[in-house]
Protein backbone atom coordinates (compact mmCIF):
# COMPACT_ATOMS: atom_id res chain seq x y z
CA UNK A 1 21.95 -14.75 -23.33
CA UNK A 2 23.37 -16.34 -20.22
CA UNK A 3 23.68 -20.03 -20.00
CA UNK A 4 23.56 -21.43 -16.65
CA UNK A 5 26.61 -23.71 -15.82
CA UNK A 6 26.71 -23.84 -11.98
CA UNK A 7 25.62 -21.82 -9.02
CA UNK A 8 28.63 -19.49 -9.20
CA UNK A 9 29.20 -19.38 -13.06
CA UNK A 10 27.49 -18.99 -16.28
CA UNK A 11 28.40 -18.66 -19.98
CA UNK A 12 27.41 -15.83 -22.25
CA UNK A 13 26.16 -17.48 -25.46
CA UNK A 14 25.03 -15.96 -28.81
CA UNK A 15 22.60 -18.17 -30.43
CA UNK A 16 21.33 -17.93 -33.98
CA UNK A 17 17.93 -18.76 -35.33
CA UNK A 18 16.95 -19.63 -38.84
CA UNK A 19 14.68 -17.06 -40.10
CA UNK A 20 11.76 -17.71 -42.41
CA UNK A 21 13.67 -15.95 -45.30
CA UNK A 22 16.76 -18.09 -44.60
CA UNK A 23 14.77 -21.25 -44.59
CA UNK A 24 13.24 -20.37 -47.90
CA UNK A 25 16.40 -19.48 -49.52
CA UNK A 26 18.43 -22.32 -48.12
CA UNK A 27 19.31 -25.33 -50.25
CA UNK A 28 16.49 -27.78 -49.90
CA UNK A 29 18.98 -30.76 -49.87
CA UNK A 30 20.93 -29.01 -46.96
CA UNK A 31 17.68 -28.20 -45.08
CA UNK A 32 16.21 -31.62 -45.45
CA UNK A 33 19.41 -33.15 -44.44
CA UNK A 34 19.34 -31.27 -41.08
CA UNK A 35 15.78 -32.34 -40.60
CA UNK A 36 15.83 -35.90 -41.57
CA UNK A 37 15.96 -36.99 -38.01
CA UNK A 38 12.19 -35.87 -37.68
CA UNK A 39 9.23 -37.08 -39.44
CA UNK A 40 6.51 -34.59 -40.65
CA UNK A 41 3.01 -35.47 -41.66
CA UNK A 42 2.53 -32.66 -44.03
CA UNK A 43 5.74 -31.73 -45.90
CA UNK A 44 8.47 -30.04 -43.83
CA UNK A 45 8.04 -26.72 -45.69
CA UNK A 46 4.46 -26.64 -45.01
CA UNK A 47 5.08 -27.39 -41.33
CA UNK A 48 7.80 -24.62 -41.17
CA UNK A 49 5.35 -21.97 -42.34
CA UNK A 50 2.95 -22.99 -39.71
CA UNK A 51 5.51 -23.41 -36.78
CA UNK A 52 8.21 -20.86 -37.43
CA UNK A 53 6.64 -18.16 -34.95
CA UNK A 54 6.25 -20.88 -32.36
CA UNK A 55 9.81 -21.82 -32.85
CA UNK A 56 11.13 -18.20 -32.48
CA UNK A 57 9.04 -17.79 -29.37
CA UNK A 58 10.33 -20.93 -27.87
CA UNK A 59 13.92 -19.94 -28.61
CA UNK A 60 13.34 -16.46 -26.99
CA UNK A 61 11.56 -17.96 -24.03
CA UNK A 62 14.40 -20.48 -23.43
CA UNK A 63 16.87 -17.71 -23.51
CA UNK A 64 14.78 -15.84 -21.05
CA UNK A 65 14.58 -18.75 -18.61
CA UNK A 66 18.31 -19.29 -18.79
CA UNK A 67 18.98 -15.68 -18.10
CA UNK A 68 16.50 -15.77 -15.26
CA UNK A 69 18.28 -18.75 -13.74
CA UNK A 70 21.61 -17.14 -14.16
CA UNK A 71 20.42 -13.90 -12.57
CA UNK A 72 18.81 -15.91 -9.65
CA UNK A 73 21.92 -17.80 -8.95
CA UNK A 74 24.06 -14.66 -9.02
CA UNK A 75 21.65 -12.97 -6.52
CA UNK A 76 21.83 -15.91 -4.28
CA UNK A 77 25.66 -15.90 -4.35
CA UNK A 78 25.69 -12.16 -3.67
CA UNK A 79 23.35 -12.48 -0.74
CA UNK A 80 25.38 -15.36 0.65
CA UNK A 81 28.61 -13.32 0.47
CA UNK A 82 26.74 -10.39 2.09
CA UNK A 83 25.47 -12.41 4.97
CA UNK A 84 29.02 -13.92 5.58
CA UNK A 85 30.52 -10.44 5.59
CA UNK A 86 27.72 -9.15 7.94
CA UNK A 87 28.48 -12.25 10.34
CA UNK A 88 32.18 -11.24 10.21
CA UNK A 89 31.40 -7.62 10.87
CA UNK A 90 29.15 -8.52 13.82
CA UNK A 91 31.94 -10.74 15.26
CA UNK A 92 34.46 -7.87 15.15
CA UNK A 93 31.95 -5.40 16.60
CA UNK A 94 31.14 -7.81 19.43
CA UNK A 95 34.79 -8.28 20.14
CA UNK A 96 35.45 -4.47 20.25
CA UNK A 97 32.42 -4.03 22.50
CA UNK A 98 33.49 -6.86 24.88
CA UNK A 99 37.11 -5.31 25.15
CA UNK A 100 35.71 -1.79 25.84
CA UNK A 101 33.37 -3.20 28.52
CA UNK A 102 36.08 -5.40 30.07
CA UNK A 103 38.33 -2.33 30.18
CA UNK A 104 35.67 -0.32 31.81
CA UNK A 105 35.20 -3.13 34.43
CA UNK A 106 38.88 -3.28 35.02
CA UNK A 107 39.20 0.49 35.48
CA UNK A 108 36.16 0.44 37.98
CA UNK A 109 37.80 -2.47 39.91
CA UNK A 110 41.12 -0.67 40.13
CA UNK A 111 39.13 2.58 41.39
CA UNK A 112 37.44 0.40 43.94
CA UNK A 113 40.64 -1.37 45.11
CA UNK A 114 42.78 1.79 45.37
CA UNK A 115 39.76 3.55 47.25
CA UNK A 116 39.76 0.64 49.63
CA UNK A 117 43.36 0.64 50.19
CA UNK A 118 43.36 4.55 50.88
CA UNK A 119 41.03 4.08 53.64
């Protein structure tokens, strides 16, 4: 999934979840060492059987939210760049239009002056 870092960047992260089978085959001493920071009312193994589906759903939902945030920031960045490019293009077109209008006015003035001097 994509992990949001800032408005213009994100990291692609591969996360690993402990499956039910891995938890059951894992060394109990290693598993309990990792989970010693939490206290469980029924034993940790009973809790794991009850909550492993919730754990997977939470991990997937968290990855989905991180991806959505990264996508939204990328879209915002793309729209900001598109708006900036459109503004620059509008300024260039306005400059070309004003030059053409000014050239036409100058041509008409020259025709008026040369017509007045011919009379």
